Protein backbone atom coordinates (compact mmCIF):
# COMPACT_ATOMS: atom_id res chain seq x y z
CA MET A 1 0.00 0.00 0.00
CA PRO A 2 1.45 3.40 -0.93
CA PRO A 3 1.97 6.05 1.75
CA ILE A 4 -1.13 7.98 2.74
CA ARG A 5 0.49 11.26 1.66
CA SER A 6 3.71 11.95 -0.14
CA ARG A 7 4.66 14.38 2.65
CA SER A 8 3.84 11.85 5.35
CA SER A 9 5.57 12.27 8.70
CA THR A 10 5.61 8.53 9.28
CA ASN A 11 7.99 6.14 7.58
CA SER A 12 6.91 2.93 5.82
CA THR A 13 7.44 0.76 8.91
CA GLU A 14 5.33 3.10 11.04
CA GLU A 15 2.63 3.22 8.36
CA GLU A 16 2.58 -0.58 8.21
CA SER A 17 2.21 -0.70 12.00
CA LEU A 18 -0.69 1.76 11.83
CA LYS A 19 -2.32 -0.26 9.05
CA LYS A 20 -2.07 -3.51 11.04
CA TRP A 21 -3.43 -1.79 14.13
CA ILE A 22 -6.42 -0.38 12.19
CA LEU A 23 -7.13 -3.75 10.57
CA SER A 24 -6.91 -5.43 13.97
CA ILE A 25 -9.53 -3.08 15.37
CA ASP A 26 -11.67 -3.57 12.25
CA SER A 27 -11.51 -7.36 12.60
CA ARG A 28 -13.06 -6.96 16.05
CA GLY A 29 -16.00 -5.05 14.55
CA SER A 30 -14.93 -1.53 15.39
CA ALA A 31 -13.22 1.35 13.64
CA PRO A 32 -10.87 3.92 15.12
CA ARG A 33 -11.76 7.59 14.92
CA PRO A 34 -9.37 9.79 12.95
CA SER A 35 -8.31 11.42 16.22
CA THR A 36 -7.37 8.00 17.62
CA VAL A 37 -5.32 7.16 14.52
CA ARG A 38 -3.59 10.55 14.85
CA GLU A 39 -2.78 9.82 18.51
CA MET A 40 -1.31 6.43 17.59
CA ALA A 41 0.78 8.00 14.81
CA ASN A 42 2.06 10.61 17.25
CA LEU A 43 3.00 7.86 19.71
CA LEU A 44 5.00 6.14 16.98
CA LEU A 45 6.77 9.41 16.18
CA GLU A 46 7.48 9.94 19.87
CA LYS A 47 8.99 6.44 20.12
CA ARG A 48 11.18 7.23 17.12
CA GLY A 49 12.42 10.26 19.00
CA THR A 50 11.64 12.72 16.26
CA THR A 51 11.65 16.40 17.14
CA LEU A 52 11.15 17.66 13.60
CA VAL A 53 7.39 17.07 13.63
CA ILE A 54 5.18 18.43 16.38
CA SER A 55 2.21 16.28 15.54
CA VAL A 56 0.68 14.32 12.70
CA GLY A 57 -2.07 16.28 11.01
CA GLU A 58 -0.89 19.72 12.10
CA LYS A 59 0.12 22.31 9.53
């Protein structure tokens, strides 16, 4: 699956993790809200130790 956006803050490994997480939630009959996906992406960025990006989804 191609990156969500060409200027994505997440790398391919982080995007794959997000995708698996979303599919896992979907397989249990639920769907995450966009705000929840954003929070998870920000957690991944925090774990990476990035300081270049304040938050996913912010301009």
